[in-house]
Amino acid sequence: MQTVLGANGQIGRELARCLKREYADNNIDKTAGKIRLVSRNPQQVNGTDELVAADLLDAEQTSRAVEGSSVVYLTAGLPMNTQMWIDQWGVIMYNVIAACEQHKAKLVFFDNTYMYPQTSEVQTETTRFEPHGLKGVVREEIANDLLEAMKQGRVEALICRAPEFYGPGLTQSTTTTTVIEPLKAGKKAKVFLRDDTLRTLIYTPDASRAMALLGNTPDAFGQTWHLPCDDNRLTYREFVQLAAKAFGTKPAYTIVKKWQLVLAGLFNQRICDTTELLPRYAVDNLFDSSKFKQRFPEFKATSIAEGLRVIAGGK
């Protein structure tokens, strides 16, 4: 049994499809190949998934959701609300670690880069934790909680880390909401701070496909992995040009200054909760996934041009 915690998000849904296609359907032992989807209101992805409703803030419900699993994928996300992250992420991680320890399940944690320094240095799996802002501190704390549990031998786990998303479906990210969606609608995009810094973006189906591969590779456990991205990094100026071409719209955009975002944050809590991430848009974002690519040379990351064509509705 492979179990996805937080299965309603885009990453979880893509993961469920990949697990069914690449592992469950090819597994001689169909019991081992079953897929369980867990969320507060789980929904079918493959038509044959086992659905379990559970609140990961509740230890007993989390334990029941994990029971019988061989591999558990923690892909849950929370709204961009700082206080909610402070109040809930530590509880979720504690409950999931305890449940996996109790039921002897392996754990795959889908993490982000909020705890890394927001500088132009190359980010690798050994990059130090130096968070900027409270959400970054929370992500540092829960990553360290899992690393300590792994060190103590309480749980067999791996961490897979991804930079900012873009992709089809319900993919949520700054690039999606401020660049992709406006351009698709024929409107002007918004670019934070600068249009000339390099961005590393990950295509959501690639992230889920790579996570499934790691979860089904025994020697991948006990490590941190950067998920594979297109090495052809673009500036937002170049990204807008490419996206507009794919969507058949004009490559129009506005650069939003820091003072404008800070001012807007005084009246909009969601914008206020994202301002701690602004430093990363002022410098090149150089997320390195060479470790994964060297271990899995057959895995081909989707190019940004191809990803945008899929988002546009192309084949």
Protein backbone atom coordinates (compact mmCIF):
# COMPACT_ATOMS: atom_id res chain seq x y z
CA MET A 1 0.00 0.00 0.00
CA GLN A 2 1.34 3.41 -1.01
CA THR A 3 -0.41 6.28 0.76
CA VAL A 4 -0.59 9.94 -0.24
CA LEU A 5 -1.25 12.38 2.62
CA GLY A 6 -2.64 15.63 1.27
CA ALA A 7 -3.94 14.00 -1.89
CA ASN A 8 -6.23 16.77 -3.15
CA GLY A 9 -3.46 19.20 -4.15
CA GLN A 10 -1.91 19.24 -7.61
CA ILE A 11 1.26 17.48 -6.43
CA GLY A 12 -0.74 14.78 -4.65
CA ARG A 13 -3.05 14.19 -7.60
CA GLU A 14 -0.16 13.96 -10.08
CA LEU A 15 1.61 11.60 -7.66
CA ALA A 16 -1.44 9.33 -7.45
CA ARG A 17 -1.60 9.10 -11.25
CA CYS A 18 2.09 8.27 -11.46
CA LEU A 19 1.99 5.65 -8.71
CA LYS A 20 -0.91 3.92 -10.46
CA ARG A 21 0.67 4.09 -13.92
CA GLU A 22 4.27 3.27 -13.09
CA TYR A 23 4.06 1.07 -9.99
CA ALA A 24 0.61 -0.24 -9.00
CA ASP A 25 -0.36 -1.53 -12.46
CA ASN A 26 3.02 -3.22 -12.86
CA ASN A 27 3.10 -4.80 -9.40
CA ILE A 28 2.54 -8.57 -9.38
CA ASP A 29 1.45 -8.32 -5.73
CA LYS A 30 -1.65 -6.17 -6.18
CA THR A 31 -1.98 -5.69 -2.43
CA ALA A 32 1.44 -4.02 -2.36
CA GLY A 33 0.43 -1.97 -5.39
CA LYS A 34 -2.70 -0.43 -3.90
CA ILE A 35 -2.96 3.36 -3.56
CA ARG A 36 -4.62 5.15 -0.66
CA LEU A 37 -5.50 8.83 -0.89
CA VAL A 38 -5.86 10.77 2.35
CA SER A 39 -7.22 14.25 2.99
CA ARG A 40 -10.11 15.79 4.86
CA ASN A 41 -12.31 15.21 1.80
CA PRO A 42 -10.44 12.79 -0.49
CA GLN A 43 -11.46 12.39 -4.11
CA GLN A 44 -10.82 9.66 -6.64
CA VAL A 45 -7.96 10.19 -9.06
CA ASN A 46 -7.56 6.78 -10.68
CA GLY A 47 -11.01 5.33 -10.03
CA THR A 48 -9.59 2.48 -7.95
CA ASP A 49 -7.99 4.43 -5.10
CA GLU A 50 -8.80 3.68 -1.48
CA LEU A 51 -10.10 6.92 0.05
CA VAL A 52 -9.55 7.76 3.71
CA ALA A 53 -10.81 10.97 5.28
CA ALA A 54 -8.44 12.21 7.98
CA ASP A 55 -7.28 15.41 9.64
CA LEU A 56 -3.49 15.28 10.01
CA LEU A 57 -3.78 17.55 13.06
CA ASP A 58 -5.42 14.60 14.84
CA ALA A 59 -2.92 11.92 15.92
CA GLU A 60 -5.44 9.04 15.96
CA GLN A 61 -6.82 9.89 12.54
CA THR A 62 -3.29 10.18 11.14
CA SER A 63 -2.38 6.79 12.59
CA ARG A 64 -5.43 5.15 11.02
CA ALA A 65 -4.62 6.78 7.69
CA VAL A 66 -1.07 5.38 7.72
CA GLU A 67 -1.88 1.89 9.04
CA GLY A 68 -1.10 -0.82 6.50
CA SER A 69 1.08 1.43 4.34
CA SER A 70 4.52 0.48 3.04
CA VAL A 71 5.38 3.98 1.78
CA VAL A 72 3.74 7.24 2.87
CA TYR A 73 4.08 10.48 0.89
CA LEU A 74 3.53 13.71 2.84
CA THR A 75 2.46 16.21 0.18
CA ALA A 76 0.05 18.27 2.29
CA GLY A 77 0.07 22.02 1.96
CA LEU A 78 -1.32 24.89 3.98
CA PRO A 79 -2.66 28.26 2.81
CA MET A 80 -0.14 31.10 2.66
CA ASN A 81 -1.02 32.12 6.21
CA THR A 82 1.93 32.61 8.55
CA GLN A 83 0.07 32.01 11.81
CA MET A 84 -1.51 28.83 10.44
CA TRP A 85 1.95 27.55 9.49
CA ILE A 86 3.25 28.30 13.00
CA ASP A 87 0.28 26.61 14.66
CA GLN A 88 -0.14 23.56 12.45
CA TRP A 89 2.97 22.41 10.60
CA GLY A 90 4.82 21.15 13.68
CA VAL A 91 1.75 19.17 14.79
CA ILE A 92 1.32 17.62 11.33
CA MET A 93 4.96 16.54 11.15
CA TYR A 94 4.90 15.12 14.69
CA ASN A 95 1.76 13.10 13.97
CA VAL A 96 3.03 11.76 10.64
CA ILE A 97 6.42 10.73 12.05
CA ALA A 98 4.71 9.01 15.00
CA ALA A 99 2.28 7.18 12.71
CA CYS A 100 5.03 5.98 10.37
CA GLU A 101 7.12 4.86 13.34
CA GLN A 102 4.16 2.98 14.83
CA HIS A 103 3.24 1.18 11.61
CA LYS A 104 6.78 0.72 10.23
CA ALA A 105 6.02 2.71 7.08
CA LYS A 106 8.63 4.54 5.05
CA LEU A 107 8.10 8.29 4.74
CA VAL A 108 8.70 10.56 1.73
CA PHE A 109 8.42 14.25 2.66
CA PHE A 110 7.78 16.77 -0.11
CA ASP A 111 9.56 19.94 1.05
CA ASN A 112 10.23 23.44 -0.30
CA THR A 113 13.22 25.82 -0.15
CA TYR A 114 11.91 28.43 2.29
CA MET A 115 14.63 27.55 4.81
CA TYR A 116 17.49 28.23 2.40
CA PRO A 117 19.32 31.58 2.27
CA GLN A 118 17.56 33.87 -0.19
CA THR A 119 20.76 34.70 -2.04
CA SER A 120 22.23 33.94 -5.46
CA GLU A 121 24.42 31.09 -4.22
CA VAL A 122 23.84 27.66 -5.76
CA GLN A 123 21.40 25.60 -3.67
CA THR A 124 22.33 21.94 -3.18
CA GLU A 125 21.20 19.25 -0.76
CA THR A 126 23.92 20.39 1.66
CA THR A 127 23.00 24.08 1.62
CA ARG A 128 22.76 25.44 5.15
CA PHE A 129 19.43 26.46 6.64
CA GLU A 130 19.23 30.24 6.99
CA PRO A 131 15.54 31.21 6.78
CA HIS A 132 14.29 34.70 6.10
CA GLY A 133 10.93 35.14 7.80
CA LEU A 134 8.64 33.08 9.98
CA LYS A 135 7.46 30.62 7.33
CA GLY A 136 11.07 29.80 6.58
CA VAL A 137 11.71 29.20 10.28
CA VAL A 138 8.75 26.81 10.41
CA ARG A 139 10.02 24.86 7.41
CA GLU A 140 13.49 24.66 9.00
CA GLU A 141 11.99 23.31 12.21
CA ILE A 142 9.90 20.56 10.63
CA ALA A 143 12.74 19.50 8.32
CA ASN A 144 15.02 19.24 11.34
CA ASP A 145 12.36 17.29 13.24
CA LEU A 146 12.31 14.69 10.47
CA LEU A 147 16.10 14.62 10.11
CA GLU A 148 16.42 13.99 13.86
CA ALA A 149 13.85 11.19 13.74
CA MET A 150 15.82 9.63 10.87
CA LYS A 151 19.07 9.97 12.81
CA GLN A 152 17.51 8.28 15.84
CA GLY A 153 16.31 5.40 13.68
CA ARG A 154 12.68 6.08 14.51
CA VAL A 155 11.61 6.27 10.88
CA GLU A 156 13.06 5.38 7.48
CA ALA A 157 12.52 8.47 5.39
CA LEU A 158 13.74 10.77 2.66
CA ILE A 159 13.25 14.47 1.95
CA CYS A 160 12.62 15.63 -1.60
CA ARG A 161 12.82 19.36 -2.10
CA ALA A 162 11.47 21.54 -4.91
CA PRO A 163 11.74 25.21 -5.90
CA GLU A 164 8.78 27.24 -7.16
CA PHE A 165 6.14 25.40 -9.20
CA TYR A 166 4.58 25.93 -12.57
CA GLY A 167 2.36 23.45 -14.37
CA PRO A 168 -1.10 22.41 -15.54
CA GLY A 169 -4.29 21.93 -13.58
CA LEU A 170 -4.63 23.58 -10.18
CA THR A 171 -0.92 24.33 -9.74
CA GLN A 172 -0.55 27.19 -7.25
CA SER A 173 2.47 29.46 -7.19
CA THR A 174 3.46 33.08 -7.61
CA THR A 175 4.51 32.44 -11.20
CA THR A 176 1.14 30.83 -11.94
CA THR A 177 -1.03 33.55 -10.43
CA THR A 178 0.97 36.61 -11.49
CA VAL A 179 2.41 35.54 -14.84
CA ILE A 180 0.83 32.45 -16.41
CA GLU A 181 -2.85 33.03 -15.64
CA PRO A 182 -2.87 36.71 -16.70
CA LEU A 183 -1.04 36.00 -19.95
CA LYS A 184 -3.39 33.12 -20.78
CA ALA A 185 -6.29 35.52 -20.30
CA GLY A 186 -4.68 38.11 -22.59
CA LYS A 187 -3.87 40.41 -19.68
CA LYS A 188 -0.66 42.00 -18.47
CA ALA A 189 1.54 39.86 -16.21
CA LYS A 190 3.10 41.08 -12.97
CA VAL A 191 6.75 40.40 -12.19
CA PHE A 192 8.11 40.89 -8.67
CA LEU A 193 11.06 43.26 -8.20
CA ARG A 194 13.14 42.48 -11.32
CA ASP A 195 12.79 40.87 -14.74
CA ASP A 196 16.48 40.08 -15.29
CA THR A 197 17.28 37.53 -12.58
CA LEU A 198 17.39 33.83 -13.38
CA ARG A 199 14.57 31.66 -11.99
CA THR A 200 14.60 27.93 -11.34
CA LEU A 201 11.10 26.50 -11.77
CA ILE A 202 9.89 22.91 -11.49
CA TYR A 203 7.11 21.44 -13.62
CA THR A 204 4.57 19.85 -11.25
CA PRO A 205 4.18 16.53 -13.13
CA ASP A 206 7.99 16.17 -13.05
CA ALA A 207 8.03 16.80 -9.30
CA SER A 208 5.42 14.11 -8.65
CA ARG A 209 7.00 11.62 -11.07
CA ALA A 210 10.41 12.07 -9.43
CA MET A 211 8.94 11.73 -5.95
CA ALA A 212 7.27 8.44 -6.92
CA LEU A 213 10.58 7.19 -8.31
CA LEU A 214 12.42 8.07 -5.10
CA GLY A 215 9.74 6.44 -2.95
CA ASN A 216 10.14 3.21 -4.89
CA THR A 217 13.96 3.22 -4.81
CA PRO A 218 15.15 1.57 -1.56
CA ASP A 219 18.62 3.11 -1.53
CA ALA A 220 17.19 6.63 -1.90
CA PHE A 221 16.03 6.64 1.73
CA GLY A 222 18.07 8.28 4.46
CA GLN A 223 18.90 11.21 2.17
CA THR A 224 17.73 14.61 0.94
CA TRP A 225 17.09 15.00 -2.79
CA HIS A 226 16.54 18.04 -4.99
CA LEU A 227 13.85 17.21 -7.52
CA PRO A 228 14.78 17.59 -11.21
CA CYS A 229 14.30 20.90 -13.03
CA ASP A 230 15.07 22.18 -16.52
CA ASP A 231 18.66 23.44 -16.38
CA ASN A 232 17.86 26.09 -19.00
CA ARG A 233 16.96 28.76 -16.44
CA LEU A 234 15.15 31.83 -17.74
CA THR A 235 14.68 35.36 -16.50
CA TYR A 236 11.08 36.48 -16.08
CA ARG A 237 11.55 38.66 -19.17
CA GLU A 238 12.39 35.53 -21.17
CA PHE A 239 9.70 33.46 -19.45
CA VAL A 240 7.01 36.02 -20.32
CA GLN A 241 8.11 36.02 -23.96
CA LEU A 242 8.00 32.21 -24.12
CA ALA A 243 4.67 31.95 -22.30
CA ALA A 244 3.00 34.58 -24.46
CA LYS A 245 4.17 32.76 -27.58
CA ALA A 246 2.71 29.48 -26.27
CA PHE A 247 -0.59 31.15 -25.36
CA GLY A 248 -0.83 33.30 -28.49
CA THR A 249 -1.02 36.54 -26.50
CA LYS A 250 1.06 39.68 -26.10
CA PRO A 251 4.16 39.49 -23.84
CA ALA A 252 3.08 42.43 -21.70
CA TYR A 253 4.10 42.74 -18.06
CA THR A 254 4.67 45.20 -15.25
CA ILE A 255 7.48 45.06 -12.71
CA VAL A 256 6.03 45.42 -9.21
CA LYS A 257 8.40 47.19 -6.82
CA LYS A 258 9.01 46.16 -3.22
CA TRP A 259 7.38 49.28 -1.78
CA GLN A 260 4.23 48.54 -3.80
CA LEU A 261 4.01 45.02 -2.43
CA VAL A 262 4.67 46.15 1.14
CA LEU A 263 1.98 48.80 0.80
CA ALA A 264 -0.49 46.32 -0.69
CA GLY A 265 0.28 43.96 2.18
CA LEU A 266 -1.11 46.49 4.63
CA PHE A 267 -4.55 45.90 3.12
CA ASN A 268 -4.29 42.29 1.93
CA GLN A 269 -3.22 39.56 4.36
CA ARG A 270 -2.26 37.09 1.63
CA ILE A 271 0.13 39.59 0.05
CA CYS A 272 1.50 40.42 3.50
CA ASP A 273 2.17 36.72 4.11
CA THR A 274 4.21 36.45 0.89
CA THR A 275 6.47 39.47 1.42
CA GLU A 276 9.07 37.41 3.33
CA LEU A 277 9.82 35.65 0.03
CA LEU A 278 10.62 38.86 -1.85
CA PRO A 279 14.44 38.67 -1.47
CA ARG A 280 14.51 35.58 -3.69
CA TYR A 281 13.11 37.62 -6.61
CA ALA A 282 15.88 40.21 -6.34
CA VAL A 283 18.66 37.70 -7.09
CA ASP A 284 19.30 34.68 -9.31
CA ASN A 285 17.59 31.55 -7.94
CA LEU A 286 20.02 28.69 -8.66
CA PHE A 287 18.47 25.44 -7.45
CA ASP A 288 20.74 22.51 -8.36
CA SER A 289 19.29 19.04 -9.01
CA SER A 290 22.42 17.34 -10.37
CA LYS A 291 22.45 14.71 -7.59
CA PHE A 292 19.10 13.34 -8.76
CA LYS A 293 20.06 13.52 -12.44
CA GLN A 294 23.30 11.63 -11.83
CA ARG A 295 21.49 8.91 -9.85
CA PHE A 296 18.61 8.65 -12.36
CA PRO A 297 20.09 9.56 -15.77
CA GLU A 298 17.08 8.09 -17.59
CA PHE A 299 14.74 10.66 -16.03
CA LYS A 300 14.11 13.54 -18.42
CA ALA A 301 12.97 16.84 -16.95
CA THR A 302 10.39 18.69 -19.04
CA SER A 303 11.69 21.81 -20.75
CA ILE A 304 9.99 25.07 -19.84
CA ALA A 305 8.93 25.51 -23.47
CA GLU A 306 7.22 22.09 -23.50
CA GLY A 307 5.64 22.67 -20.09
CA LEU A 308 4.12 25.94 -21.29
CA ARG A 309 2.79 24.21 -24.42
CA VAL A 310 1.00 21.67 -22.21
CA ILE A 311 -0.44 24.46 -20.05
CA ALA A 312 -1.63 26.15 -23.22
CA GLY A 313 -3.48 22.99 -24.18
CA GLY A 314 -1.00 21.56 -26.65
CA LYS A 315 0.15 17.97 -26.86
